[in-house]
Amino acid sequence: MNENDSLRRFLIERTHVRGEWVHLDATWQALLERAEYPEPVRRLLGEALVATALLSATIKFSGSLILQIRGDGPVPLLVVQARVERPRNGEGEGDGRRTLRGLAHWSGEILPGTLAELCGSGHLALTIDPGDGRERYQGIVALEGASLAEALQGYFERSEQLPTRLWLAIDEARAAGLLLQALPVEVADPDAWRRTVGLADTLAPDELIALPAEVLLHRLYHEEQVRLFDREPVGFHCGCSRPRVEEVIRGLGRTEADDILAEQGRISVDCEFCGAHYAFDAVDVEAIFAIDSQPPPVPHTEH
């Protein structure tokens, strides 16, 4: 089975431990093609991309999960979004489409360092957005820990009260990760969490990147009964489009749009996620606002 750009969920039977494994190849490369990041920023963004893919497995409906870091360090902003699209005729797990996109801002010379050295003091936020009018859920915690994996572990301990561990590995071509989580249920094997985490701690980064899910899980848990679910494909996709940018311009209002046109000759918008460029001249802007200036239709009444 080809497991490039794949997410796979698993359960360790007769325990309260669940997990996910993800491997990103073309998805990771597609993100790197959009911008040239310094190596420490690239590594942090890759870890965030993997972590967001893993965490998106909790979404059982069409919607998105957004991981955001804001701080006062050399990397003041990092955002990764996972979008999950489930089929309308069923919200079943393992169906639908899962896509990722992300970006990071940085300034000055970036040296390798801990999460705190890269991002400074700030916060980490996870947002789940159903995108259909239902209320968004957001959890925010202080940015703590030497690595993103440690920061997310702290997030789940403080915000969700769920023991959670992540292992993230990045190289120039591939990005991979493993997540373990202890479910809040009573089990006859209270040592399961300590045991499964201890075994995962023996993983080397190159093993996590190189091994398929089935091989990796057998190597770690050959004495356990592991139920491995079917592959879920993952890809890079940006949701920007010209009609969406037109809505943004419409939201500026006619006066502000005309001011930009008078100053710059056109309205230019660049998507930071995918690098797409959109340009609107005076005729384009006139067309955007034309529909708003039309009088409402007069009801037709027959006598």
C-alpha atoms as a PDB file:
ATOM      1  CA  MET A   1       0.000   0.000   0.000  1.00  0.00           C
ATOM      2  CA  ASN A   2       1.254   3.468  -0.890  1.00  0.00           C
ATOM      3  CA  GLU A   3       1.205   5.435   2.365  1.00  0.00           C
ATOM      4  CA  ASN A   4       2.631   8.696   1.097  1.00  0.00           C
ATOM      5  CA  ASP A   5       0.500  11.642   2.232  1.00  0.00           C
ATOM      6  CA  SER A   6      -1.578   9.445   4.517  1.00  0.00           C
ATOM      7  CA  LEU A   7      -3.207   9.538   7.927  1.00  0.00           C
ATOM      8  CA  ARG A   8      -3.990   6.308   9.759  1.00  0.00           C
ATOM      9  CA  ARG A   9      -5.773   5.920  13.074  1.00  0.00           C
ATOM     10  CA  PHE A  10      -5.262   2.985  15.417  1.00  0.00           C
ATOM     11  CA  LEU A  11      -6.430   1.538  18.725  1.00  0.00           C
ATOM     12  CA  ILE A  12      -4.463  -0.618  21.126  1.00  0.00           C
ATOM     13  CA  GLU A  13      -7.071  -3.194  22.043  1.00  0.00           C
ATOM     14  CA  ARG A  14      -8.016  -3.850  25.680  1.00  0.00           C
ATOM     15  CA  THR A  15      -6.452  -0.531  26.721  1.00  0.00           C
ATOM     16  CA  HIS A  16      -7.589   3.084  26.835  1.00  0.00           C
ATOM     17  CA  VAL A  17      -4.936   4.190  24.333  1.00  0.00           C
ATOM     18  CA  ARG A  18      -5.717   5.487  20.855  1.00  0.00           C
ATOM     19  CA  GLY A  19      -3.369   6.954  18.292  1.00  0.00           C
ATOM     20  CA  GLU A  20      -2.682   8.333  14.852  1.00  0.00           C
ATOM     21  CA  TRP A  21       0.202   8.124  12.419  1.00  0.00           C
ATOM     22  CA  VAL A  22       0.746  10.551   9.550  1.00  0.00           C
ATOM     23  CA  HIS A  23       3.217  10.782   6.689  1.00  0.00           C
ATOM     24  CA  LEU A  24       3.452  13.864   4.446  1.00  0.00           C
ATOM     25  CA  ASP A  25       5.437  13.894   1.216  1.00  0.00           C
ATOM     26  CA  ALA A  26       3.976  15.917  -1.691  1.00  0.00           C
ATOM     27  CA  THR A  27       1.926  17.885   0.852  1.00  0.00           C
ATOM     28  CA  TRP A  28       5.077  19.013   2.658  1.00  0.00           C
ATOM     29  CA  GLN A  29       6.876  19.790  -0.593  1.00  0.00           C
ATOM     30  CA  ALA A  30       3.930  21.818  -1.905  1.00  0.00           C
ATOM     31  CA  LEU A  31       4.032  24.029   1.187  1.00  0.00           C
ATOM     32  CA  LEU A  32       7.808  24.536   0.874  1.00  0.00           C
ATOM     33  CA  GLU A  33       7.420  25.641  -2.749  1.00  0.00           C
ATOM     34  CA  ARG A  34       5.376  28.667  -1.632  1.00  0.00           C
ATOM     35  CA  ALA A  35       8.132  30.397   0.352  1.00  0.00           C
ATOM     36  CA  GLU A  36      11.820  30.069   1.238  1.00  0.00           C
ATOM     37  CA  TYR A  37      11.966  29.633   4.998  1.00  0.00           C
ATOM     38  CA  PRO A  38      15.161  29.613   7.091  1.00  0.00           C
ATOM     39  CA  GLU A  39      15.913  26.092   8.302  1.00  0.00           C
ATOM     40  CA  PRO A  40      14.695  26.573  11.922  1.00  0.00           C
ATOM     41  CA  VAL A  41      11.436  28.141  10.679  1.00  0.00           C
ATOM     42  CA  ARG A  42      10.999  25.395   8.086  1.00  0.00           C
ATOM     43  CA  ARG A  43      11.435  22.721  10.752  1.00  0.00           C
ATOM     44  CA  LEU A  44       8.950  24.365  13.121  1.00  0.00           C
ATOM     45  CA  LEU A  45       6.411  24.840  10.323  1.00  0.00           C
ATOM     46  CA  GLY A  46       6.826  21.195   9.290  1.00  0.00           C
ATOM     47  CA  GLU A  47       6.235  20.049  12.866  1.00  0.00           C
ATOM     48  CA  ALA A  48       3.126  22.217  13.048  1.00  0.00           C
ATOM     49  CA  LEU A  49       1.872  20.796   9.742  1.00  0.00           C
ATOM     50  CA  VAL A  50       2.284  17.223  11.018  1.00  0.00           C
ATOM     51  CA  ALA A  51       0.747  18.018  14.406  1.00  0.00           C
ATOM     52  CA  THR A  52      -2.276  19.700  12.819  1.00  0.00           C
ATOM     53  CA  ALA A  53      -2.834  16.714  10.528  1.00  0.00           C
ATOM     54  CA  LEU A  54      -2.743  14.388  13.541  1.00  0.00           C
ATOM     55  CA  LEU A  55      -5.103  16.542  15.599  1.00  0.00           C
ATOM     56  CA  SER A  56      -7.541  16.890  12.695  1.00  0.00           C
ATOM     57  CA  ALA A  57      -8.421  13.215  13.088  1.00  0.00           C
ATOM     58  CA  THR A  58     -10.675  14.266  15.973  1.00  0.00           C
ATOM     59  CA  ILE A  59     -12.974  16.156  13.557  1.00  0.00           C
ATOM     60  CA  LYS A  60     -15.956  13.931  12.800  1.00  0.00           C
ATOM     61  CA  PHE A  61     -17.737  16.492  10.600  1.00  0.00           C
ATOM     62  CA  SER A  62     -16.902  18.801   7.732  1.00  0.00           C
ATOM     63  CA  GLY A  63     -14.908  21.685   9.156  1.00  0.00           C
ATOM     64  CA  SER A  64     -11.420  22.878   9.958  1.00  0.00           C
ATOM     65  CA  LEU A  65      -8.864  22.735  12.744  1.00  0.00           C
ATOM     66  CA  ILE A  66      -6.442  25.653  13.030  1.00  0.00           C
ATOM     67  CA  LEU A  67      -3.219  25.648  15.045  1.00  0.00           C
ATOM     68  CA  GLN A  68      -1.878  29.134  15.694  1.00  0.00           C
ATOM     69  CA  ILE A  69       1.185  30.379  17.548  1.00  0.00           C
ATOM     70  CA  ARG A  70       1.645  34.072  18.319  1.00  0.00           C
ATOM     71  CA  GLY A  71       4.645  35.398  20.176  1.00  0.00           C
ATOM     72  CA  ASP A  72       7.125  38.250  20.490  1.00  0.00           C
ATOM     73  CA  GLY A  73      10.174  36.380  19.191  1.00  0.00           C
ATOM     74  CA  PRO A  74      11.884  36.110  15.782  1.00  0.00           C
ATOM     75  CA  VAL A  75       8.962  33.924  14.603  1.00  0.00           C
ATOM     76  CA  PRO A  76       5.967  35.966  15.789  1.00  0.00           C
ATOM     77  CA  LEU A  77       3.278  34.072  13.862  1.00  0.00           C
ATOM     78  CA  LEU A  78       2.707  30.529  12.662  1.00  0.00           C
ATOM     79  CA  VAL A  79      -0.633  29.247  11.350  1.00  0.00           C
ATOM     80  CA  VAL A  80      -1.567  25.826   9.983  1.00  0.00           C
ATOM     81  CA  GLN A  81      -5.074  24.831   8.930  1.00  0.00           C
ATOM     82  CA  ALA A  82      -6.452  21.345   8.303  1.00  0.00           C
ATOM     83  CA  ARG A  83      -9.697  21.209   6.365  1.00  0.00           C
ATOM     84  CA  VAL A  84     -11.830  18.057   6.574  1.00  0.00           C
ATOM     85  CA  GLU A  85     -14.645  17.567   4.097  1.00  0.00           C
ATOM     86  CA  ARG A  86     -17.039  14.715   4.871  1.00  0.00           C
ATOM     87  CA  PRO A  87     -19.586  13.417   2.354  1.00  0.00           C
ATOM     88  CA  ARG A  88     -23.041  14.950   2.707  1.00  0.00           C
ATOM     89  CA  ASN A  89     -24.728  11.562   2.863  1.00  0.00           C
ATOM     90  CA  GLY A  90     -22.697  10.424   5.839  1.00  0.00           C
ATOM     91  CA  GLU A  91     -20.232  11.746   8.354  1.00  0.00           C
ATOM     92  CA  GLY A  92     -18.408   8.439   8.649  1.00  0.00           C
ATOM     93  CA  GLU A  93     -14.781   8.308   9.654  1.00  0.00           C
ATOM     94  CA  GLY A  94     -12.340   7.444   6.915  1.00  0.00           C
ATOM     95  CA  ASP A  95     -14.433   9.147   4.219  1.00  0.00           C
ATOM     96  CA  GLY A  96     -14.045  12.493   2.565  1.00  0.00           C
ATOM     97  CA  ARG A  97     -11.082  14.771   1.935  1.00  0.00           C
ATOM     98  CA  ARG A  98      -8.398  16.153   4.267  1.00  0.00           C
ATOM     99  CA  THR A  99      -6.241  19.088   3.152  1.00  0.00           C
ATOM    100  CA  LEU A 100      -3.560  21.231   4.784  1.00  0.00           C
ATOM    101  CA  ARG A 101      -2.068  24.677   4.337  1.00  0.00           C
ATOM    102  CA  GLY A 102       0.184  26.827   6.499  1.00  0.00           C
ATOM    103  CA  LEU A 103       2.538  29.782   6.806  1.00  0.00           C
ATOM    104  CA  ALA A 104       5.011  31.398   9.178  1.00  0.00           C
ATOM    105  CA  HIS A 105       6.287  34.947   9.596  1.00  0.00           C
ATOM    106  CA  TRP A 106       9.841  35.675  10.700  1.00  0.00           C
ATOM    107  CA  SER A 107      12.274  38.568  10.912  1.00  0.00           C
ATOM    108  CA  GLY A 108      16.018  38.956  11.189  1.00  0.00           C
ATOM    109  CA  GLU A 109      18.560  36.173  11.401  1.00  0.00           C
ATOM    110  CA  ILE A 110      16.979  32.945  12.635  1.00  0.00           C
ATOM    111  CA  LEU A 111      19.226  30.626  14.630  1.00  0.00           C
ATOM    112  CA  PRO A 112      18.321  27.078  15.736  1.00  0.00           C
ATOM    113  CA  GLY A 113      16.777  27.046  19.182  1.00  0.00           C
ATOM    114  CA  THR A 114      13.942  25.990  21.421  1.00  0.00           C
ATOM    115  CA  LEU A 115      10.329  26.933  20.816  1.00  0.00           C
ATOM    116  CA  ALA A 116      10.696  29.797  23.312  1.00  0.00           C
ATOM    117  CA  GLU A 117      13.845  31.066  21.589  1.00  0.00           C
ATOM    118  CA  LEU A 118      12.099  31.053  18.203  1.00  0.00           C
ATOM    119  CA  CYS A 119       8.657  32.365  19.178  1.00  0.00           C
ATOM    120  CA  GLY A 120       9.314  34.171  22.454  1.00  0.00           C
ATOM    121  CA  SER A 121       6.538  34.685  24.973  1.00  0.00           C
ATOM    122  CA  GLY A 122       3.070  34.193  23.601  1.00  0.00           C
ATOM    123  CA  HIS A 123       0.234  31.741  23.285  1.00  0.00           C
ATOM    124  CA  LEU A 124      -0.823  28.635  21.415  1.00  0.00           C
ATOM    125  CA  ALA A 125      -4.408  28.350  20.182  1.00  0.00           C
ATOM    126  CA  LEU A 126      -6.358  25.473  18.692  1.00  0.00           C
ATOM    127  CA  THR A 127      -9.604  26.384  16.926  1.00  0.00           C
ATOM    128  CA  ILE A 128     -12.224  23.980  15.592  1.00  0.00           C
ATOM    129  CA  ASP A 129     -14.528  25.673  13.098  1.00  0.00           C
ATOM    130  CA  PRO A 130     -17.505  23.736  11.687  1.00  0.00           C
ATOM    131  CA  GLY A 131     -17.830  26.458   9.048  1.00  0.00           C
ATOM    132  CA  ASP A 132     -21.603  26.058   8.735  1.00  0.00           C
ATOM    133  CA  GLY A 133     -22.852  28.599  11.206  1.00  0.00           C
ATOM    134  CA  ARG A 134     -22.280  26.415  14.244  1.00  0.00           C
ATOM    135  CA  GLU A 135     -20.264  27.905  17.079  1.00  0.00           C
ATOM    136  CA  ARG A 136     -16.489  27.702  16.884  1.00  0.00           C
ATOM    137  CA  TYR A 137     -14.502  26.143  19.712  1.00  0.00           C
ATOM    138  CA  GLN A 138     -11.162  27.645  20.687  1.00  0.00           C
ATOM    139  CA  GLY A 139      -8.673  26.701  23.381  1.00  0.00           C
ATOM    140  CA  ILE A 140      -5.790  29.051  24.228  1.00  0.00           C
ATOM    141  CA  VAL A 141      -2.832  28.379  26.530  1.00  0.00           C
ATOM    142  CA  ALA A 142       0.457  30.089  27.249  1.00  0.00           C
ATOM    143  CA  LEU A 143       3.251  28.987  24.945  1.00  0.00           C
ATOM    144  CA  GLU A 144       5.346  26.716  27.142  1.00  0.00           C
ATOM    145  CA  GLY A 145       7.771  23.877  26.465  1.00  0.00           C
ATOM    146  CA  ALA A 146      11.069  23.432  24.659  1.00  0.00           C
ATOM    147  CA  SER A 147       9.376  22.068  21.527  1.00  0.00           C
ATOM    148  CA  LEU A 148       6.034  22.181  19.762  1.00  0.00           C
ATOM    149  CA  ALA A 149       5.347  18.596  20.851  1.00  0.00           C
ATOM    150  CA  GLU A 150       5.848  19.608  24.493  1.00  0.00           C
ATOM    151  CA  ALA A 151       3.679  22.707  24.062  1.00  0.00           C
ATOM    152  CA  LEU A 152       0.828  20.605  22.663  1.00  0.00           C
ATOM    153  CA  GLN A 153       1.233  18.064  25.430  1.00  0.00           C
ATOM    154  CA  GLY A 154       0.809  20.912  27.917  1.00  0.00           C
ATOM    155  CA  TYR A 155      -2.200  22.217  25.992  1.00  0.00           C
ATOM    156  CA  PHE A 156      -4.058  18.906  26.337  1.00  0.00           C
ATOM    157  CA  GLU A 157      -3.142  18.549  29.993  1.00  0.00           C
ATOM    158  CA  ARG A 158      -4.393  22.043  30.886  1.00  0.00           C
ATOM    159  CA  SER A 159      -7.212  22.612  28.407  1.00  0.00           C
ATOM    160  CA  GLU A 160      -8.606  19.153  27.667  1.00  0.00           C
ATOM    161  CA  GLN A 161      -7.393  17.075  30.635  1.00  0.00           C
ATOM    162  CA  LEU A 162      -6.377  14.313  28.210  1.00  0.00           C
ATOM    163  CA  PRO A 163      -2.905  12.771  28.493  1.00  0.00           C
ATOM    164  CA  THR A 164      -1.467  13.244  24.981  1.00  0.00           C
ATOM    165  CA  ARG A 165       1.986  12.735  23.488  1.00  0.00           C
ATOM    166  CA  LEU A 166       3.318  13.572  20.035  1.00  0.00           C
ATOM    167  CA  TRP A 167       6.472  12.568  18.182  1.00  0.00           C
ATOM    168  CA  LEU A 168       7.301  14.758  15.160  1.00  0.00           C
ATOM    169  CA  ALA A 169      10.066  14.222  12.578  1.00  0.00           C
ATOM    170  CA  ILE A 170      11.041  16.416   9.614  1.00  0.00           C
ATOM    171  CA  ASP A 171      13.621  16.237   6.852  1.00  0.00           C
ATOM    172  CA  GLU A 172      14.072  18.021   3.522  1.00  0.00           C
ATOM    173  CA  ALA A 173      11.600  15.796   1.662  1.00  0.00           C
ATOM    174  CA  ARG A 174       9.265  14.263   4.213  1.00  0.00           C
ATOM    175  CA  ALA A 175       7.433  14.965   7.447  1.00  0.00           C
ATOM    176  CA  ALA A 176       5.920  12.374   9.783  1.00  0.00           C
ATOM    177  CA  GLY A 177       4.366  12.077  13.190  1.00  0.00           C
ATOM    178  CA  LEU A 178       2.833   9.812  15.800  1.00  0.00           C
ATOM    179  CA  LEU A 179       0.199  10.723  18.403  1.00  0.00           C
ATOM    180  CA  LEU A 180      -0.909   8.749  21.441  1.00  0.00           C
ATOM    181  CA  GLN A 181      -3.823   9.750  23.641  1.00  0.00           C
ATOM    182  CA  ALA A 182      -5.327   8.202  26.760  1.00  0.00           C
ATOM    183  CA  LEU A 183      -9.113   8.060  26.557  1.00  0.00           C
ATOM    184  CA  PRO A 184     -11.108   8.917  29.701  1.00  0.00           C
ATOM    185  CA  VAL A 185     -12.470   5.392  30.262  1.00  0.00           C
ATOM    186  CA  GLU A 186     -11.883   2.763  32.928  1.00  0.00           C
ATOM    187  CA  VAL A 187      -9.707  -0.149  31.819  1.00  0.00           C
ATOM    188  CA  ALA A 188      -8.300  -3.297  33.375  1.00  0.00           C
ATOM    189  CA  ASP A 189      -4.787  -2.355  32.265  1.00  0.00           C
ATOM    190  CA  PRO A 190      -3.830   0.802  34.195  1.00  0.00           C
ATOM    191  CA  ASP A 191      -0.186   0.466  33.095  1.00  0.00           C
ATOM    192  CA  ALA A 192      -1.070   0.717  29.388  1.00  0.00           C
ATOM    193  CA  TRP A 193      -0.395   4.444  29.031  1.00  0.00           C
ATOM    194  CA  ARG A 194       3.039   4.337  30.653  1.00  0.00           C
ATOM    195  CA  ARG A 195       3.970   1.245  28.651  1.00  0.00           C
ATOM    196  CA  THR A 196       2.856   2.493  25.230  1.00  0.00           C
ATOM    197  CA  VAL A 197       4.458   5.925  25.698  1.00  0.00           C
ATOM    198  CA  GLY A 198       7.701   4.351  26.886  1.00  0.00           C
ATOM    199  CA  LEU A 199       7.900   2.192  23.777  1.00  0.00           C
ATOM    200  CA  ALA A 200       7.162   5.151  21.488  1.00  0.00           C
ATOM    201  CA  ASP A 201       9.975   7.085  23.172  1.00  0.00           C
ATOM    202  CA  THR A 202      12.406   4.545  21.693  1.00  0.00           C
ATOM    203  CA  LEU A 203      11.579   5.719  18.157  1.00  0.00           C
ATOM    204  CA  ALA A 204      14.347   7.458  16.249  1.00  0.00           C
ATOM    205  CA  PRO A 205      13.270  10.320  13.942  1.00  0.00           C
ATOM    206  CA  ASP A 206      14.518   8.492  10.843  1.00  0.00           C
ATOM    207  CA  GLU A 207      12.405   5.458  11.771  1.00  0.00           C
ATOM    208  CA  LEU A 208       9.310   7.616  12.106  1.00  0.00           C
ATOM    209  CA  ILE A 209       9.955   9.118   8.683  1.00  0.00           C
ATOM    210  CA  ALA A 210      10.951   5.913   6.879  1.00  0.00           C
ATOM    211  CA  LEU A 211       8.642   3.194   8.210  1.00  0.00           C
ATOM    212  CA  PRO A 212       5.064   2.529   6.999  1.00  0.00           C
ATOM    213  CA  ALA A 213       2.420   2.608   9.718  1.00  0.00           C
ATOM    214  CA  GLU A 214       1.939  -1.146   9.931  1.00  0.00           C
ATOM    215  CA  VAL A 215       5.668  -1.860  10.186  1.00  0.00           C
ATOM    216  CA  LEU A 216       6.251   0.897  12.724  1.00  0.00           C
ATOM    217  CA  LEU A 217       3.367  -0.165  14.963  1.00  0.00           C
ATOM    218  CA  HIS A 218       4.433  -3.822  14.806  1.00  0.00           C
ATOM    219  CA  ARG A 219       7.970  -2.854  15.776  1.00  0.00           C
ATOM    220  CA  LEU A 220       6.705  -0.867  18.760  1.00  0.00           C
ATOM    221  CA  TYR A 221       3.729  -2.951  19.873  1.00  0.00           C
ATOM    222  CA  HIS A 222       4.244  -6.510  18.634  1.00  0.00           C
ATOM    223  CA  GLU A 223       3.154  -7.782  22.070  1.00  0.00           C
ATOM    224  CA  GLU A 224      -0.091  -5.779  21.897  1.00  0.00           C
ATOM    225  CA  GLN A 225      -3.175  -6.238  19.749  1.00  0.00           C
ATOM    226  CA  VAL A 226      -3.355  -3.158  17.504  1.00  0.00           C
ATOM    227  CA  ARG A 227      -6.362  -2.331  15.339  1.00  0.00           C
ATOM    228  CA  LEU A 228      -5.145  -0.219  12.409  1.00  0.00           C
ATOM    229  CA  PHE A 229      -7.789   1.644  10.402  1.00  0.00           C
ATOM    230  CA  ASP A 230      -7.762   2.320   6.668  1.00  0.00           C
ATOM    231  CA  ARG A 231      -5.619   4.994   5.064  1.00  0.00           C
ATOM    232  CA  GLU A 232      -7.044   8.519   4.837  1.00  0.00           C
ATOM    233  CA  PRO A 233      -5.388  10.612   2.100  1.00  0.00           C
ATOM    234  CA  VAL A 234      -3.969  14.050   2.920  1.00  0.00           C
ATOM    235  CA  GLY A 235      -3.090  16.816   0.445  1.00  0.00           C
ATOM    236  CA  PHE A 236      -2.129  20.459   0.161  1.00  0.00           C
ATOM    237  CA  HIS A 237      -4.910  22.830  -0.832  1.00  0.00           C
ATOM    238  CA  CYS A 238      -5.531  26.541  -0.452  1.00  0.00           C
ATOM    239  CA  GLY A 239      -9.118  27.755  -0.456  1.00  0.00           C
ATOM    240  CA  CYS A 240      -8.379  31.181  -1.882  1.00  0.00           C
ATOM    241  CA  SER A 241     -10.101  32.196  -5.140  1.00  0.00           C
ATOM    242  CA  ARG A 242     -10.897  35.326  -7.115  1.00  0.00           C
ATOM    243  CA  PRO A 243     -14.567  35.352  -5.972  1.00  0.00           C
ATOM    244  CA  ARG A 244     -13.442  35.167  -2.337  1.00  0.00           C
ATOM    245  CA  VAL A 245     -11.048  38.062  -2.836  1.00  0.00           C
ATOM    246  CA  GLU A 246     -13.868  40.012  -4.486  1.00  0.00           C
ATOM    247  CA  GLU A 247     -15.895  39.520  -1.302  1.00  0.00           C
ATOM    248  CA  VAL A 248     -13.003  40.943   0.722  1.00  0.00           C
ATOM    249  CA  ILE A 249     -12.879  44.009  -1.536  1.00  0.00           C
ATOM    250  CA  ARG A 250     -16.648  44.386  -1.274  1.00  0.00           C
ATOM    251  CA  GLY A 251     -16.215  44.298   2.489  1.00  0.00           C
ATOM    252  CA  LEU A 252     -13.757  47.221   2.324  1.00  0.00           C
ATOM    253  CA  GLY A 253     -16.502  49.421   0.940  1.00  0.00           C
ATOM    254  CA  ARG A 254     -16.611  51.520  -2.221  1.00  0.00           C
ATOM    255  CA  THR A 255     -14.881  54.552  -0.721  1.00  0.00           C
ATOM    256  CA  GLU A 256     -11.823  52.680   0.529  1.00  0.00           C
ATOM    257  CA  ALA A 257     -11.578  50.641  -2.669  1.00  0.00           C
ATOM    258  CA  ASP A 258     -11.633  53.843  -4.747  1.00  0.00           C
ATOM    259  CA  ASP A 259      -8.951  55.377  -2.502  1.00  0.00           C
ATOM    260  CA  ILE A 260      -6.657  52.391  -3.133  1.00  0.00           C
ATOM    261  CA  LEU A 261      -7.292  52.619  -6.879  1.00  0.00           C
ATOM    262  CA  ALA A 262      -6.490  56.352  -6.886  1.00  0.00           C
ATOM    263  CA  GLU A 263      -3.244  55.782  -4.993  1.00  0.00           C
ATOM    264  CA  GLN A 264      -1.987  52.556  -6.614  1.00  0.00           C
ATOM    265  CA  GLY A 265      -3.883  52.253  -9.907  1.00  0.00           C
ATOM    266  CA  ARG A 266      -5.147  48.803  -8.982  1.00  0.00           C
ATOM    267  CA  ILE A 267      -5.956  46.624  -5.981  1.00  0.00           C
ATOM    268  CA  SER A 268      -3.453  43.788  -5.585  1.00  0.00           C
ATOM    269  CA  VAL A 269      -3.914  40.886  -3.184  1.00  0.00           C
ATOM    270  CA  ASP A 270      -1.393  38.096  -2.574  1.00  0.00           C
ATOM    271  CA  CYS A 271      -2.346  34.881  -0.751  1.00  0.00           C
ATOM    272  CA  GLU A 272       0.294  34.109   1.855  1.00  0.00           C
ATOM    273  CA  PHE A 273      -0.722  30.462   1.992  1.00  0.00           C
ATOM    274  CA  CYS A 274      -0.244  29.550  -1.662  1.00  0.00           C
ATOM    275  CA  GLY A 275       1.398  32.573  -3.288  1.00  0.00           C
ATOM    276  CA  ALA A 276      -1.472  33.251  -5.703  1.00  0.00           C
ATOM    277  CA  HIS A 277      -1.673  36.861  -6.953  1.00  0.00           C
ATOM    278  CA  TYR A 278      -4.954  38.654  -7.664  1.00  0.00           C
ATOM    279  CA  ALA A 279      -5.143  42.077  -9.353  1.00  0.00           C
ATOM    280  CA  PHE A 280      -8.221  44.264  -9.861  1.00  0.00           C
ATOM    281  CA  ASP A 281      -8.289  47.397 -12.026  1.00  0.00           C
ATOM    282  CA  ALA A 282     -10.945  50.132 -12.045  1.00  0.00           C
ATOM    283  CA  VAL A 283     -13.232  48.138 -14.345  1.00  0.00           C
ATOM    284  CA  ASP A 284     -12.987  45.077 -12.095  1.00  0.00           C
ATOM    285  CA  VAL A 285     -13.809  47.140  -9.012  1.00  0.00           C
ATOM    286  CA  GLU A 286     -16.742  48.774 -10.778  1.00  0.00           C
ATOM    287  CA  ALA A 287     -18.122  45.333 -11.581  1.00  0.00           C
ATOM    288  CA  ILE A 288     -17.697  44.199  -7.956  1.00  0.00           C
ATOM    289  CA  PHE A 289     -19.822  47.070  -6.653  1.00  0.00           C
ATOM    290  CA  ALA A 290     -22.228  47.269  -9.595  1.00  0.00           C
ATOM    291  CA  ILE A 291     -24.583  44.664  -8.168  1.00  0.00           C
ATOM    292  CA  ASP A 292     -24.870  46.643  -4.924  1.00  0.00           C
ATOM    293  CA  SER A 293     -25.880  49.796  -6.811  1.00  0.00           C
ATOM    294  CA  GLN A 294     -28.696  48.183  -8.765  1.00  0.00           C
ATOM    295  CA  PRO A 295     -32.217  49.111  -7.598  1.00  0.00           C
ATOM    296  CA  PRO A 296     -34.270  46.242  -6.194  1.00  0.00           C
ATOM    297  CA  PRO A 297     -36.580  44.608  -8.712  1.00  0.00           C
ATOM    298  CA  VAL A 298     -40.141  45.991  -8.855  1.00  0.00           C
ATOM    299  CA  PRO A 299     -42.722  43.289  -8.194  1.00  0.00           C
ATOM    300  CA  HIS A 300     -44.837  42.605 -11.258  1.00  0.00           C
ATOM    301  CA  THR A 301     -48.572  42.663 -10.664  1.00  0.00           C
ATOM    302  CA  GLU A 302     -51.112  41.714 -13.259  1.00  0.00           C
ATOM    303  CA  HIS A 303     -54.453  43.544 -13.348  1.00  0.00           C
END
